[in-house]
Protein backbone atom coordinates (compact mmCIF):
# COMPACT_ATOMS: atom_id res chain seq x y z
CA MET A 1 38.25 36.40 145.31
CA ILE A 2 39.95 33.09 144.56
CA LYS A 3 42.95 34.94 143.07
CA LYS A 4 43.35 37.07 146.22
CA GLU A 5 43.17 33.96 148.40
CA THR A 6 45.73 32.21 146.21
CA ILE A 7 48.10 35.20 146.37
CA SER A 8 47.70 35.29 150.16
CA ARG A 9 48.50 31.58 150.36
CA PHE A 10 51.68 32.10 148.33
CA LYS A 11 52.71 35.05 150.47
CA GLU A 12 52.30 32.92 153.60
CA LYS A 13 54.25 30.06 152.05
CA LEU A 14 57.11 32.43 151.19
CA LYS A 15 57.15 33.92 154.69
CA GLU A 16 57.09 30.46 156.29
CA GLY A 17 60.13 29.56 154.20
CA GLY A 18 61.96 32.69 155.34
CA PHE A 19 61.71 34.39 151.92
CA LYS A 20 60.84 38.04 151.33
CA VAL A 21 57.49 38.86 149.77
CA THR A 22 58.49 41.48 147.20
CA PRO A 23 56.16 43.26 144.76
CA GLN A 24 58.10 41.65 141.90
CA ARG A 25 57.55 38.14 143.29
CA VAL A 26 53.86 38.87 143.74
CA GLU A 27 53.66 40.11 140.12
CA VAL A 28 55.30 36.90 138.86
CA ILE A 29 52.72 34.89 140.81
CA ASN A 30 49.94 37.11 139.38
CA ALA A 31 51.20 36.46 135.86
CA LEU A 32 51.34 32.71 136.50
CA LEU A 33 47.72 32.84 137.66
CA GLU A 34 46.57 34.92 134.71
CA LEU A 35 48.45 33.17 131.90
CA ASP A 36 48.06 29.57 130.77
CA HIS A 37 51.33 27.64 131.22
CA PRO A 38 53.49 30.68 130.34
CA THR A 39 57.15 30.92 129.46
CA ALA A 40 59.42 33.28 131.40
CA LYS A 41 59.30 35.70 128.44
CA GLU A 42 55.50 35.68 128.49
CA ILE A 43 55.58 36.40 132.22
CA GLN A 44 57.96 39.30 131.66
CA GLY A 45 55.71 40.67 128.91
CA ALA A 46 52.71 40.52 131.23
CA ILE A 47 54.35 42.48 134.04
CA GLU A 48 56.85 44.83 132.37
CA GLU A 49 54.28 47.61 131.96
CA ARG A 50 53.95 47.87 135.75
CA TYR A 51 57.61 46.99 136.39
CA PRO A 52 59.56 48.00 133.26
CA MET A 53 62.89 47.50 134.99
CA ILE A 54 62.19 43.91 136.13
CA SER A 55 65.04 41.74 135.04
CA PRO A 56 64.87 38.23 133.62
CA SER A 57 67.02 37.11 136.58
CA THR A 58 64.31 38.29 139.00
CA ILE A 59 61.70 36.35 137.06
CA TYR A 60 63.82 33.20 136.80
CA GLY A 61 64.83 33.50 140.45
CA THR A 62 61.17 33.67 141.49
CA LEU A 63 60.31 30.71 139.25
CA ASP A 64 63.18 28.69 140.75
CA LEU A 65 62.07 29.63 144.27
CA LEU A 66 58.46 28.59 143.58
CA GLU A 67 59.71 25.28 142.19
CA ASP A 68 61.97 24.76 145.23
CA ILE A 69 59.07 25.25 147.65
CA GLY A 70 56.93 22.81 145.66
CA GLU A 71 54.49 25.28 144.15
CA LEU A 72 55.52 25.23 140.49
CA ILE A 73 56.14 22.60 137.84
CA PRO A 74 58.46 23.40 134.92
CA ILE A 75 57.39 21.76 131.67
CA GLN A 76 60.22 21.41 129.18
CA GLU A 77 59.02 21.64 125.60
CA GLY A 78 61.88 21.66 123.13
CA GLU A 79 64.11 24.60 123.98
CA GLU A 80 61.35 26.41 125.91
CA THR A 81 60.22 25.90 129.46
CA ARG A 82 56.63 26.58 130.38
CA TYR A 83 55.44 26.83 133.97
CA ASP A 84 52.45 25.35 135.75
CA LEU A 85 51.38 26.85 139.06
CA SER A 86 49.43 23.69 139.81
CA PRO A 87 51.95 21.47 141.59
CA GLU A 88 49.59 18.53 142.05
CA ILE A 89 50.63 15.56 139.96
CA HIS A 90 48.74 15.63 136.68
CA PRO A 91 49.44 14.92 133.00
CA HIS A 92 49.68 17.52 130.25
CA TYR A 93 48.83 17.54 126.56
CA ILE A 94 51.38 19.48 124.53
CA CYS A 95 50.60 20.60 121.00
CA GLU A 96 53.43 19.62 118.69
CA GLU A 97 52.64 22.52 116.37
CA ASP A 98 52.75 25.52 118.69
CA GLY A 99 53.93 24.14 122.05
CA LYS A 100 50.76 25.14 123.91
CA VAL A 101 50.22 23.11 127.06
CA ARG A 102 46.92 22.11 128.60
CA ASP A 103 46.15 20.10 131.69
CA ILE A 104 44.59 16.68 131.37
CA GLU A 105 42.18 16.08 134.18
CA ASP A 106 41.77 12.35 134.75
CA PRO A 107 41.35 11.15 138.34
CA GLU A 108 42.36 7.58 137.47
CA ILE A 109 45.67 8.65 135.92
CA GLU A 110 46.35 10.98 138.85
CA LYS A 111 45.56 8.19 141.34
CA LYS A 112 47.97 5.80 139.59
CA LEU A 113 50.70 8.46 139.49
CA HIS A 114 50.30 9.04 143.25
CA GLU A 115 50.50 5.28 143.87
CA LEU A 116 53.69 5.02 141.84
CA MET A 117 55.23 7.98 143.69
CA GLN A 118 54.51 6.28 147.01
CA ASP A 119 55.97 2.95 145.90
CA SER A 120 58.98 2.62 148.20
CA SER A 121 60.95 0.57 145.69
CA LEU A 122 60.99 3.45 143.17
CA ASN A 123 62.27 6.39 145.28
CA VAL A 124 60.54 8.94 142.99
CA SER A 125 61.31 12.62 143.52
CA ARG A 126 59.45 14.07 140.52
CA VAL A 127 56.89 12.99 137.96
CA GLU A 128 56.25 14.32 134.47
CA LEU A 129 53.65 12.79 132.20
CA ASN A 130 53.21 14.58 128.91
CA PHE A 131 51.16 13.58 125.90
CA TYR A 132 52.08 15.07 122.53
CA GLY A 133 50.04 15.55 119.39
CA PRO A 134 48.51 18.11 117.07
CA CYS A 135 46.39 20.94 118.39
CA LYS A 136 42.72 20.10 118.55
CA ASN A 137 41.88 22.80 116.01
CA SER A 138 44.27 21.23 113.50
CA ARG A 139 42.58 17.88 113.83
CA ASP A 140 39.14 19.49 113.50
CA ASN A 141 40.15 21.43 110.38
CA GLY A 142 42.27 18.69 108.88
CA SER A 143 41.39 15.95 106.47
CA GLU A 144 38.87 13.44 107.70
């Protein structure tokens, strides 16, 4: 039910912005909801069975649009970009071994980031806070 409500919210946001709600855009949003911080290629892989003719430009165009309306955060990791459909300011932990991204949920960090964004002397338009290190499994299986 939450997924349907989220899709409906995105459809409304697109309409309010004067953008068409196409099946391809809805499928990109579905893939973003189903996958964990996916790349554009992972999104294409998730939806090409239903839409085999979907082009990378359609996917990238939808990602750009979602970013422009404040609903998507791109996370640059090396040469790849991953996408987070959670636009609230929050830090990420990025595995240096495989590039997987996970959200860090810490209310104190998020509160401080919001305070810094509202500091009128900074004129902040975007915040990215990424922590890097080995994947948890590597640390657990490594030498202790």
